[in-house]
Amino acid sequence: MASGAKAVDVRADRAVQGTVAVATLSAFVFHQPWVIPVVGVFVGAGALMGPPGNPLYRIFDGLIAPRLSPVANVEPAATLRAQDVLAVAVLGAATVCLLIGLGGLAWIVALCEAGVAAVAATTGAHLGVLVRDRLRRG
């Protein structure tokens, strides 16, 4: 996909969301708090530049997508961007909690993001879109 992509392969979206969920859950299980801000930076790039800015998407697009059958279903790039914005907010809050010494709260917040990403990966339902639409309505 080009950097100005209007639609993204659904498989790429699900792979990215699944990676965010697994990375965050793994960080919790293996007590690796540094993973929270790293994943936050990855999704932050996607929030700023759209899906092609997200390194996780680029890995899928460069290494995995060429080995798959042609794209059958697409998702609007704006949907993925909204999901990334929500992830940045949640993981940013978790990172702030880590920095001020509230490790327990940081993990609760980070695990919420893992849940949101897991739901998006398995069902295609994006909480980021719901939040974006609610905020636009005022």
N, C-alpha and C. Protein backbone atom coordinates (compact mmCIF):
# COMPACT_ATOMS: atom_id res chain seq x y z
N MET A 1 0.84 -1.19 0.00
CA MET A 1 0.00 0.00 0.00
C MET A 1 0.89 1.25 0.00
N ALA A 2 0.44 2.23 -0.64
CA ALA A 2 1.16 3.50 -0.66
C ALA A 2 0.95 4.24 0.64
N SER A 3 1.80 5.21 0.92
CA SER A 3 1.70 5.93 2.19
C SER A 3 0.40 6.70 2.31
N GLY A 4 -0.23 7.06 1.21
CA GLY A 4 -1.50 7.76 1.25
C GLY A 4 -2.68 6.80 1.15
N ALA A 5 -2.48 5.57 1.57
CA ALA A 5 -3.49 4.52 1.41
C ALA A 5 -4.81 4.90 2.06
N LYS A 6 -5.89 4.64 1.34
CA LYS A 6 -7.22 4.90 1.87
C LYS A 6 -7.82 3.63 2.48
N ALA A 7 -7.32 2.48 2.07
CA ALA A 7 -7.81 1.21 2.59
C ALA A 7 -6.63 0.27 2.85
N VAL A 8 -6.79 -0.57 3.86
CA VAL A 8 -5.72 -1.46 4.29
C VAL A 8 -6.28 -2.88 4.37
N ASP A 9 -5.46 -3.83 4.01
CA ASP A 9 -5.83 -5.24 4.10
C ASP A 9 -6.27 -5.55 5.53
N VAL A 10 -7.42 -6.18 5.68
CA VAL A 10 -7.94 -6.53 7.00
C VAL A 10 -6.97 -7.44 7.74
N ARG A 11 -6.28 -8.30 7.01
CA ARG A 11 -5.32 -9.21 7.65
C ARG A 11 -4.19 -8.45 8.29
N ALA A 12 -3.78 -7.33 7.69
CA ALA A 12 -2.72 -6.50 8.27
C ALA A 12 -3.20 -5.88 9.57
N ASP A 13 -4.44 -5.37 9.56
CA ASP A 13 -5.01 -4.79 10.78
C ASP A 13 -5.05 -5.82 11.89
N ARG A 14 -5.54 -6.99 11.59
CA ARG A 14 -5.66 -8.02 12.63
C ARG A 14 -4.29 -8.48 13.12
N ALA A 15 -3.31 -8.55 12.22
CA ALA A 15 -1.97 -8.93 12.63
C ALA A 15 -1.36 -7.89 13.56
N VAL A 16 -1.53 -6.62 13.23
CA VAL A 16 -0.99 -5.54 14.07
C VAL A 16 -1.68 -5.54 15.43
N GLN A 17 -3.00 -5.63 15.44
CA GLN A 17 -3.72 -5.63 16.72
C GLN A 17 -3.36 -6.86 17.54
N GLY A 18 -3.21 -8.00 16.89
CA GLY A 18 -2.80 -9.20 17.60
C GLY A 18 -1.41 -9.07 18.19
N THR A 19 -0.52 -8.43 17.45
CA THR A 19 0.85 -8.22 17.95
C THR A 19 0.85 -7.29 19.15
N VAL A 20 0.05 -6.23 19.10
CA VAL A 20 -0.05 -5.31 20.24
C VAL A 20 -0.58 -6.07 21.47
N ALA A 21 -1.60 -6.88 21.28
CA ALA A 21 -2.17 -7.64 22.40
C ALA A 21 -1.16 -8.62 22.98
N VAL A 22 -0.51 -9.38 22.13
CA VAL A 22 0.45 -10.38 22.60
C VAL A 22 1.66 -9.72 23.26
N ALA A 23 2.16 -8.64 22.66
CA ALA A 23 3.32 -7.96 23.24
C ALA A 23 2.99 -7.40 24.62
N THR A 24 1.82 -6.78 24.74
CA THR A 24 1.44 -6.19 26.02
C THR A 24 1.20 -7.27 27.08
N LEU A 25 0.52 -8.32 26.71
CA LEU A 25 0.29 -9.42 27.66
C LEU A 25 1.60 -10.10 28.05
N SER A 26 2.49 -10.29 27.08
CA SER A 26 3.79 -10.89 27.36
C SER A 26 4.61 -10.01 28.30
N ALA A 27 4.55 -8.71 28.09
CA ALA A 27 5.27 -7.79 28.97
C ALA A 27 4.79 -7.94 30.41
N PHE A 28 3.49 -8.09 30.58
CA PHE A 28 2.94 -8.28 31.92
C PHE A 28 3.40 -9.60 32.52
N VAL A 29 3.27 -10.66 31.76
CA VAL A 29 3.62 -12.00 32.28
C VAL A 29 5.10 -12.09 32.62
N PHE A 30 5.95 -11.51 31.79
CA PHE A 30 7.40 -11.63 31.99
C PHE A 30 8.00 -10.42 32.70
N HIS A 31 7.15 -9.53 33.23
CA HIS A 31 7.60 -8.36 34.01
C HIS A 31 8.61 -7.51 33.25
N GLN A 32 8.22 -7.08 32.05
CA GLN A 32 9.07 -6.25 31.20
C GLN A 32 8.36 -4.93 30.92
N PRO A 33 8.38 -3.99 31.86
CA PRO A 33 7.63 -2.75 31.67
C PRO A 33 8.10 -1.88 30.51
N TRP A 34 9.33 -2.03 30.05
CA TRP A 34 9.84 -1.22 28.95
C TRP A 34 9.08 -1.48 27.65
N VAL A 35 8.38 -2.62 27.57
CA VAL A 35 7.62 -2.95 26.35
C VAL A 35 6.46 -1.96 26.16
N ILE A 36 5.89 -1.48 27.24
CA ILE A 36 4.74 -0.57 27.15
C ILE A 36 5.08 0.68 26.34
N PRO A 37 6.13 1.42 26.68
CA PRO A 37 6.42 2.61 25.86
C PRO A 37 6.91 2.27 24.45
N VAL A 38 7.57 1.13 24.27
CA VAL A 38 8.03 0.75 22.93
C VAL A 38 6.83 0.50 22.02
N VAL A 39 5.86 -0.27 22.49
CA VAL A 39 4.65 -0.51 21.69
C VAL A 39 3.92 0.82 21.48
N GLY A 40 3.92 1.68 22.50
CA GLY A 40 3.30 2.99 22.37
C GLY A 40 3.93 3.82 21.26
N VAL A 41 5.24 3.75 21.12
CA VAL A 41 5.93 4.49 20.05
C VAL A 41 5.56 3.91 18.69
N PHE A 42 5.49 2.58 18.59
CA PHE A 42 5.11 1.95 17.31
C PHE A 42 3.72 2.40 16.87
N VAL A 43 2.75 2.29 17.77
CA VAL A 43 1.39 2.68 17.39
C VAL A 43 1.29 4.20 17.26
N GLY A 44 2.13 4.93 17.98
CA GLY A 44 2.16 6.39 17.83
C GLY A 44 2.56 6.80 16.43
N ALA A 45 3.49 6.07 15.84
CA ALA A 45 3.88 6.35 14.46
C ALA A 45 2.71 6.12 13.52
N GLY A 46 1.94 5.08 13.79
CA GLY A 46 0.75 4.82 12.98
C GLY A 46 -0.32 5.87 13.18
N ALA A 47 -0.43 6.38 14.41
CA ALA A 47 -1.40 7.43 14.69
C ALA A 47 -1.04 8.72 13.97
N LEU A 48 0.24 9.02 13.87
CA LEU A 48 0.69 10.25 13.21
C LEU A 48 0.68 10.15 11.68
N MET A 49 1.14 9.02 11.16
CA MET A 49 1.35 8.91 9.71
C MET A 49 0.40 7.95 9.02
N GLY A 50 -0.52 7.38 9.75
CA GLY A 50 -1.40 6.38 9.15
C GLY A 50 -0.75 5.01 9.22
N PRO A 51 -1.44 3.98 8.80
CA PRO A 51 -0.92 2.62 8.91
C PRO A 51 0.48 2.40 8.35
N PRO A 52 0.84 2.98 7.20
CA PRO A 52 2.20 2.75 6.72
C PRO A 52 3.30 3.31 7.63
N GLY A 53 2.96 4.17 8.56
CA GLY A 53 3.94 4.69 9.50
C GLY A 53 4.20 3.75 10.66
N ASN A 54 3.30 2.81 10.88
CA ASN A 54 3.43 1.86 11.98
C ASN A 54 4.41 0.77 11.57
N PRO A 55 5.52 0.60 12.31
CA PRO A 55 6.50 -0.43 11.95
C PRO A 55 5.91 -1.83 11.91
N LEU A 56 4.93 -2.11 12.77
CA LEU A 56 4.31 -3.43 12.76
C LEU A 56 3.56 -3.67 11.45
N TYR A 57 2.88 -2.66 10.97
CA TYR A 57 2.19 -2.76 9.68
C TYR A 57 3.20 -2.94 8.56
N ARG A 58 4.29 -2.19 8.61
CA ARG A 58 5.29 -2.27 7.55
C ARG A 58 5.93 -3.65 7.49
N ILE A 59 6.13 -4.27 8.65
CA ILE A 59 6.68 -5.63 8.68
C ILE A 59 5.69 -6.59 8.01
N PHE A 60 4.41 -6.46 8.37
CA PHE A 60 3.40 -7.32 7.74
C PHE A 60 3.38 -7.08 6.23
N ASP A 61 3.33 -5.82 5.84
CA ASP A 61 3.22 -5.46 4.43
C ASP A 61 4.44 -5.92 3.62
N GLY A 62 5.61 -5.87 4.23
CA GLY A 62 6.83 -6.23 3.50
C GLY A 62 7.18 -7.70 3.53
N LEU A 63 6.90 -8.37 4.65
CA LEU A 63 7.34 -9.76 4.79
C LEU A 63 6.23 -10.80 4.65
N ILE A 64 5.05 -10.48 5.11
CA ILE A 64 3.99 -11.48 5.15
C ILE A 64 3.01 -11.33 3.99
N ALA A 65 2.57 -10.12 3.70
CA ALA A 65 1.56 -9.89 2.66
C ALA A 65 1.95 -10.46 1.29
N PRO A 66 3.21 -10.35 0.87
CA PRO A 66 3.55 -10.90 -0.45
C PRO A 66 3.35 -12.42 -0.54
N ARG A 67 3.32 -13.10 0.58
CA ARG A 67 3.17 -14.56 0.59
C ARG A 67 1.70 -15.00 0.67
N LEU A 68 0.80 -14.04 0.83
CA LEU A 68 -0.62 -14.34 0.98
C LEU A 68 -1.36 -14.19 -0.34
N SER A 69 -2.57 -14.72 -0.37
CA SER A 69 -3.43 -14.54 -1.54
C SER A 69 -3.78 -13.06 -1.69
N PRO A 70 -4.29 -12.68 -2.84
CA PRO A 70 -4.64 -11.26 -3.04
C PRO A 70 -5.64 -10.77 -1.99
N VAL A 71 -5.62 -9.47 -1.78
CA VAL A 71 -6.48 -8.84 -0.78
C VAL A 71 -7.95 -9.05 -1.17
N ALA A 72 -8.73 -9.56 -0.21
CA ALA A 72 -10.16 -9.77 -0.44
C ALA A 72 -11.00 -8.73 0.30
N ASN A 73 -10.58 -8.38 1.51
CA ASN A 73 -11.32 -7.43 2.34
C ASN A 73 -10.37 -6.32 2.79
N VAL A 74 -10.91 -5.11 2.82
CA VAL A 74 -10.10 -3.98 3.26
C VAL A 74 -10.82 -3.23 4.39
N GLU A 75 -10.03 -2.49 5.12
CA GLU A 75 -10.51 -1.66 6.22
C GLU A 75 -10.06 -0.23 5.92
N PRO A 76 -10.89 0.77 6.17
CA PRO A 76 -10.45 2.15 5.94
C PRO A 76 -9.22 2.48 6.80
N ALA A 77 -8.28 3.18 6.21
CA ALA A 77 -7.08 3.57 6.95
C ALA A 77 -7.44 4.41 8.17
N ALA A 78 -8.53 5.19 8.07
CA ALA A 78 -8.97 6.03 9.19
C ALA A 78 -9.35 5.18 10.40
N THR A 79 -9.87 3.99 10.17
CA THR A 79 -10.22 3.08 11.27
C THR A 79 -8.98 2.65 12.02
N LEU A 80 -7.95 2.28 11.29
CA LEU A 80 -6.71 1.85 11.92
C LEU A 80 -6.04 3.01 12.65
N ARG A 81 -6.13 4.17 12.05
CA ARG A 81 -5.54 5.35 12.68
C ARG A 81 -6.25 5.69 13.99
N ALA A 82 -7.58 5.59 14.01
CA ALA A 82 -8.34 5.84 15.24
C ALA A 82 -7.97 4.82 16.31
N GLN A 83 -7.79 3.59 15.92
CA GLN A 83 -7.39 2.55 16.88
C GLN A 83 -6.00 2.84 17.43
N ASP A 84 -5.10 3.30 16.56
CA ASP A 84 -3.75 3.65 17.01
C ASP A 84 -3.77 4.85 17.96
N VAL A 85 -4.61 5.82 17.70
CA VAL A 85 -4.72 7.00 18.58
C VAL A 85 -5.17 6.55 19.97
N LEU A 86 -6.17 5.69 20.03
CA LEU A 86 -6.62 5.17 21.32
C LEU A 86 -5.50 4.42 22.03
N ALA A 87 -4.77 3.59 21.29
CA ALA A 87 -3.68 2.82 21.88
C ALA A 87 -2.58 3.74 22.42
N VAL A 88 -2.28 4.81 21.70
CA VAL A 88 -1.28 5.77 22.18
C VAL A 88 -1.73 6.40 23.48
N ALA A 89 -2.99 6.79 23.55
CA ALA A 89 -3.51 7.41 24.77
C ALA A 89 -3.43 6.45 25.95
N VAL A 90 -3.85 5.22 25.74
CA VAL A 90 -3.87 4.24 26.83
C VAL A 90 -2.45 3.85 27.23
N LEU A 91 -1.61 3.55 26.26
CA LEU A 91 -0.24 3.16 26.59
C LEU A 91 0.57 4.34 27.12
N GLY A 92 0.23 5.56 26.66
CA GLY A 92 0.87 6.76 27.22
C GLY A 92 0.51 6.93 28.69
N ALA A 93 -0.76 6.70 29.01
CA ALA A 93 -1.18 6.78 30.42
C ALA A 93 -0.47 5.72 31.25
N ALA A 94 -0.33 4.53 30.69
CA ALA A 94 0.38 3.46 31.41
C ALA A 94 1.85 3.83 31.62
N THR A 95 2.46 4.43 30.62
CA THR A 95 3.86 4.85 30.73
C THR A 95 4.02 5.93 31.79
N VAL A 96 3.11 6.89 31.83
CA VAL A 96 3.16 7.93 32.87
C VAL A 96 3.04 7.29 34.25
N CYS A 97 2.13 6.34 34.39
CA CYS A 97 1.98 5.64 35.67
C CYS A 97 3.28 4.94 36.07
N LEU A 98 3.94 4.32 35.10
CA LEU A 98 5.23 3.67 35.39
C LEU A 98 6.26 4.69 35.86
N LEU A 99 6.30 5.83 35.19
CA LEU A 99 7.30 6.85 35.51
C LEU A 99 7.11 7.47 36.89
N ILE A 100 5.87 7.54 37.35
CA ILE A 100 5.63 8.14 38.67
C ILE A 100 5.51 7.10 39.78
N GLY A 101 5.83 5.85 39.43
CA GLY A 101 5.90 4.82 40.46
C GLY A 101 4.60 4.08 40.75
N LEU A 102 3.64 4.18 39.87
CA LEU A 102 2.37 3.47 40.05
C LEU A 102 2.34 2.25 39.14
N GLY A 103 3.26 1.31 39.39
CA GLY A 103 3.41 0.14 38.53
C GLY A 103 2.16 -0.71 38.44
N GLY A 104 1.47 -0.91 39.54
CA GLY A 104 0.25 -1.72 39.52
C GLY A 104 -0.82 -1.11 38.63
N LEU A 105 -1.02 0.19 38.77
CA LEU A 105 -2.00 0.88 37.94
C LEU A 105 -1.57 0.87 36.47
N ALA A 106 -0.27 1.00 36.24
CA ALA A 106 0.25 0.97 34.87
C ALA A 106 -0.10 -0.36 34.20
N TRP A 107 0.05 -1.44 34.93
CA TRP A 107 -0.26 -2.75 34.34
C TRP A 107 -1.75 -2.92 34.10
N ILE A 108 -2.58 -2.40 34.98
CA ILE A 108 -4.02 -2.48 34.77
C ILE A 108 -4.40 -1.72 33.49
N VAL A 109 -3.85 -0.54 33.33
CA VAL A 109 -4.14 0.27 32.14
C VAL A 109 -3.60 -0.42 30.88
N ALA A 110 -2.39 -0.95 30.96
CA ALA A 110 -1.79 -1.62 29.80
C ALA A 110 -2.59 -2.88 29.44
N LEU A 111 -3.06 -3.60 30.43
CA LEU A 111 -3.86 -4.79 30.15
C LEU A 111 -5.21 -4.43 29.53
N CYS A 112 -5.72 -3.26 29.84
CA CYS A 112 -6.94 -2.78 29.16
C CYS A 112 -6.66 -2.62 27.67
N GLU A 113 -5.52 -2.05 27.34
CA GLU A 113 -5.16 -1.92 25.92
C GLU A 113 -4.98 -3.28 25.28
N ALA A 114 -4.40 -4.22 25.99
CA ALA A 114 -4.26 -5.58 25.44
C ALA A 114 -5.63 -6.16 25.12
N GLY A 115 -6.59 -5.92 25.99
CA GLY A 115 -7.95 -6.40 25.75
C GLY A 115 -8.59 -5.74 24.54
N VAL A 116 -8.42 -4.42 24.44
CA VAL A 116 -8.97 -3.68 23.30
C VAL A 116 -8.35 -4.19 22.00
N ALA A 117 -7.04 -4.40 21.99
CA ALA A 117 -6.36 -4.89 20.80
C ALA A 117 -6.78 -6.32 20.47
N ALA A 118 -6.95 -7.15 21.49
CA ALA A 118 -7.37 -8.54 21.25
C ALA A 118 -8.77 -8.58 20.65
N VAL A 119 -9.66 -7.72 21.13
CA VAL A 119 -11.02 -7.67 20.56
C VAL A 119 -10.95 -7.22 19.11
N ALA A 120 -10.15 -6.22 18.82
CA ALA A 120 -10.02 -5.74 17.43
C ALA A 120 -9.42 -6.82 16.53
N ALA A 121 -8.45 -7.56 17.06
CA ALA A 121 -7.80 -8.60 16.26
C ALA A 121 -8.74 -9.77 15.98
N THR A 122 -9.57 -10.12 16.93
CA THR A 122 -10.40 -11.31 16.77
C THR A 122 -11.77 -11.03 16.15
N THR A 123 -12.31 -9.84 16.38
CA THR A 123 -13.65 -9.56 15.89
C THR A 123 -13.70 -8.47 14.83
N GLY A 124 -12.67 -7.65 14.75
CA GLY A 124 -12.69 -6.53 13.83
C GLY A 124 -13.42 -5.32 14.38
N ALA A 125 -13.87 -5.40 15.64
CA ALA A 125 -14.55 -4.26 16.28
C ALA A 125 -13.49 -3.35 16.89
N HIS A 126 -13.49 -2.09 16.48
CA HIS A 126 -12.47 -1.14 16.91
C HIS A 126 -13.05 -0.13 17.88
N LEU A 127 -12.63 -0.21 19.13
CA LEU A 127 -13.06 0.74 20.14
C LEU A 127 -12.59 2.15 19.81
N GLY A 128 -11.44 2.26 19.16
CA GLY A 128 -10.92 3.56 18.77
C GLY A 128 -11.89 4.32 17.88
N VAL A 129 -12.59 3.63 17.00
CA VAL A 129 -13.56 4.26 16.12
C VAL A 129 -14.77 4.74 16.92
N LEU A 130 -15.21 3.91 17.86
CA LEU A 130 -16.34 4.31 18.70
C LEU A 130 -16.01 5.56 19.52
N VAL A 131 -14.82 5.59 20.08
CA VAL A 131 -14.40 6.76 20.87
C VAL A 131 -14.30 7.98 19.97
N ARG A 132 -13.69 7.82 18.80
CA ARG A 132 -13.55 8.95 17.85
C ARG A 132 -14.92 9.50 17.46
N ASP A 133 -15.83 8.62 17.13
CA ASP A 133 -17.16 9.06 16.72
C ASP A 133 -17.91 9.73 17.86
N ARG A 134 -17.76 9.21 19.07
CA ARG A 134 -18.42 9.82 20.25
C ARG A 134 -17.87 11.21 20.50
N LEU A 135 -16.56 11.37 20.37
CA LEU A 135 -15.95 12.69 20.60
C LEU A 135 -16.37 13.70 19.51
N ARG A 136 -16.52 13.22 18.30
CA ARG A 136 -16.94 14.13 17.21
C ARG A 136 -18.37 14.62 17.39
N ARG A 137 -19.21 13.76 17.94
CA ARG A 137 -20.61 14.16 18.18
C ARG A 137 -20.73 15.18 19.29
N GLY A 138 -19.73 15.18 20.17
CA GLY A 138 -19.71 16.19 21.22
C GLY A 138 -20.40 15.76 22.41
